[in-house]
Amino acid sequence: MFVCRPGCGACCIAISISSPLPGMPDGKKAGERCVHLDDQGFCLIYNSNVFPLVCKNFKPSIEVCGKSRSHALSKLAELEMYTK
C-alpha cells in the first residue's frame, strides 16, 4: 500500500474541488493552494470533522504521486486536464 509522503501536499494544490470547503465556500480551482495547507505541506484539517469527503476519498498511488512532490504536481495537473 502506497502512503502519502509527509509534507507533499500536491493533491491540496493541483486538483480542483467543486464542493465548498471550510474557508473556501466556492471550492478551489486546479493549481490553487488550499487554505488549509500549511507552509510545510501538511493539511491543518486532516482527519478532522470538517475534512472534506473529496479529500478523504483521494487515494495516493505510485502512479499518481510518483517518487517526488514535483512528479505528483505534474501528474495530478495532467489528470485534472482530462477530467474537464
C-alpha atoms as a PDB file:
ATOM      1  CA  MET A   1       0.000   0.000   0.000  1.00  0.00           C
ATOM      2  CA  PHE A   2       1.324   3.427  -1.004  1.00  0.00           C
ATOM      3  CA  VAL A   3       1.112   6.155   1.632  1.00  0.00           C
ATOM      4  CA  CYS A   4       1.404   9.925   1.296  1.00  0.00           C
ATOM      5  CA  ARG A   5       4.834  11.490   1.522  1.00  0.00           C
ATOM      6  CA  PRO A   6       4.889  13.707   4.608  1.00  0.00           C
ATOM      7  CA  GLY A   7       4.739  17.351   3.600  1.00  0.00           C
ATOM      8  CA  CYS A   8       3.963  16.747  -0.088  1.00  0.00           C
ATOM      9  CA  GLY A   9       0.582  18.494  -0.337  1.00  0.00           C
ATOM     10  CA  ALA A  10       0.450  18.146  -4.129  1.00  0.00           C
ATOM     11  CA  CYS A  11      -3.181  16.995  -4.039  1.00  0.00           C
ATOM     12  CA  CYS A  12      -4.022  20.106  -1.982  1.00  0.00           C
ATOM     13  CA  ILE A  13      -2.765  22.281  -4.829  1.00  0.00           C
ATOM     14  CA  ALA A  14      -3.115  20.515  -8.169  1.00  0.00           C
ATOM     15  CA  ILE A  15      -6.688  19.273  -8.130  1.00  0.00           C
ATOM     16  CA  SER A  16      -9.883  21.302  -8.310  1.00  0.00           C
ATOM     17  CA  ILE A  17     -12.604  20.851  -5.717  1.00  0.00           C
ATOM     18  CA  SER A  18     -16.076  21.927  -6.765  1.00  0.00           C
ATOM     19  CA  SER A  19     -17.734  21.453  -3.386  1.00  0.00           C
ATOM     20  CA  PRO A  20     -17.467  24.026  -0.600  1.00  0.00           C
ATOM     21  CA  LEU A  21     -14.575  23.691   1.826  1.00  0.00           C
ATOM     22  CA  PRO A  22     -14.210  25.322   5.217  1.00  0.00           C
ATOM     23  CA  GLY A  23     -12.827  28.774   4.428  1.00  0.00           C
ATOM     24  CA  MET A  24     -13.352  28.219   0.683  1.00  0.00           C
ATOM     25  CA  PRO A  25     -17.122  28.354   0.130  1.00  0.00           C
ATOM     26  CA  ASP A  26     -16.757  28.160  -3.664  1.00  0.00           C
ATOM     27  CA  GLY A  27     -14.332  25.223  -3.567  1.00  0.00           C
ATOM     28  CA  LYS A  28     -10.930  25.669  -5.169  1.00  0.00           C
ATOM     29  CA  LYS A  29      -9.540  25.819  -8.681  1.00  0.00           C
ATOM     30  CA  ALA A  30      -6.869  23.474 -10.006  1.00  0.00           C
ATOM     31  CA  GLY A  31      -3.474  24.927  -9.164  1.00  0.00           C
ATOM     32  CA  GLU A  32      -4.859  26.987  -6.302  1.00  0.00           C
ATOM     33  CA  ARG A  33      -3.385  26.212  -2.894  1.00  0.00           C
ATOM     34  CA  CYS A  34      -5.961  25.078  -0.325  1.00  0.00           C
ATOM     35  CA  VAL A  35      -6.176  27.490   2.605  1.00  0.00           C
ATOM     36  CA  HIS A  36      -5.676  24.546   4.970  1.00  0.00           C
ATOM     37  CA  LEU A  37      -2.274  23.560   3.581  1.00  0.00           C
ATOM     38  CA  ASP A  38       0.436  24.867   5.875  1.00  0.00           C
ATOM     39  CA  ASP A  39       3.890  26.081   4.824  1.00  0.00           C
ATOM     40  CA  GLN A  40       5.365  22.648   5.497  1.00  0.00           C
ATOM     41  CA  GLY A  41       2.873  20.928   3.158  1.00  0.00           C
ATOM     42  CA  PHE A  42       0.588  19.441   5.808  1.00  0.00           C
ATOM     43  CA  CYS A  43      -3.211  19.700   5.899  1.00  0.00           C
ATOM     44  CA  LEU A  44      -4.343  21.533   9.008  1.00  0.00           C
ATOM     45  CA  ILE A  45      -7.772  19.851   8.992  1.00  0.00           C
ATOM     46  CA  TYR A  46      -6.673  16.325   8.031  1.00  0.00           C
ATOM     47  CA  ASN A  47      -8.948  13.718   9.654  1.00  0.00           C
ATOM     48  CA  SER A  48     -10.963  16.380  11.481  1.00  0.00           C
ATOM     49  CA  ASN A  49     -14.740  16.502  11.375  1.00  0.00           C
ATOM     50  CA  VAL A  50     -14.558  19.202   8.650  1.00  0.00           C
ATOM     51  CA  PHE A  51     -12.082  17.302   6.426  1.00  0.00           C
ATOM     52  CA  PRO A  52     -13.896  17.198   3.036  1.00  0.00           C
ATOM     53  CA  LEU A  53     -15.185  13.904   1.675  1.00  0.00           C
ATOM     54  CA  VAL A  54     -13.492  14.543  -1.663  1.00  0.00           C
ATOM     55  CA  CYS A  55     -10.160  14.737   0.175  1.00  0.00           C
ATOM     56  CA  LYS A  56     -10.921  11.616   2.219  1.00  0.00           C
ATOM     57  CA  ASN A  57     -11.679   9.755  -0.999  1.00  0.00           C
ATOM     58  CA  PHE A  58      -8.383  10.662  -2.670  1.00  0.00           C
ATOM     59  CA  LYS A  59      -6.163   7.583  -2.612  1.00  0.00           C
ATOM     60  CA  PRO A  60      -2.462   8.150  -3.173  1.00  0.00           C
ATOM     61  CA  SER A  61      -0.697   5.756  -5.517  1.00  0.00           C
ATOM     62  CA  ILE A  62       2.735   5.442  -7.068  1.00  0.00           C
ATOM     63  CA  GLU A  63       1.144   6.018 -10.499  1.00  0.00           C
ATOM     64  CA  VAL A  64      -0.276   9.364  -9.447  1.00  0.00           C
ATOM     65  CA  CYS A  65       2.190  10.510  -6.815  1.00  0.00           C
ATOM     66  CA  GLY A  66       5.413   9.148  -8.291  1.00  0.00           C
ATOM     67  CA  LYS A  67       8.627   9.460  -6.349  1.00  0.00           C
ATOM     68  CA  SER A  68       8.592  13.196  -5.700  1.00  0.00           C
ATOM     69  CA  ARG A  69       6.327  16.138  -4.983  1.00  0.00           C
ATOM     70  CA  SER A  70       7.157  17.674  -8.367  1.00  0.00           C
ATOM     71  CA  HIS A  71       6.105  14.465 -10.137  1.00  0.00           C
ATOM     72  CA  ALA A  72       2.856  14.393  -8.157  1.00  0.00           C
ATOM     73  CA  LEU A  73       2.085  18.029  -9.017  1.00  0.00           C
ATOM     74  CA  SER A  74       2.747  17.353 -12.690  1.00  0.00           C
ATOM     75  CA  LYS A  75       0.772  14.103 -12.864  1.00  0.00           C
ATOM     76  CA  LEU A  76      -2.202  15.468 -10.912  1.00  0.00           C
ATOM     77  CA  ALA A  77      -2.312  18.556 -13.143  1.00  0.00           C
ATOM     78  CA  GLU A  78      -2.264  16.288 -16.196  1.00  0.00           C
ATOM     79  CA  LEU A  79      -5.098  14.160 -14.799  1.00  0.00           C
ATOM     80  CA  GLU A  80      -7.045  17.287 -13.913  1.00  0.00           C
ATOM     81  CA  MET A  81      -6.945  18.350 -17.589  1.00  0.00           C
ATOM     82  CA  TYR A  82      -8.612  15.083 -18.587  1.00  0.00           C
ATOM     83  CA  THR A  83     -11.482  15.500 -16.138  1.00  0.00           C
ATOM     84  CA  LYS A  84     -12.662  18.757 -17.716  1.00  0.00           C
END
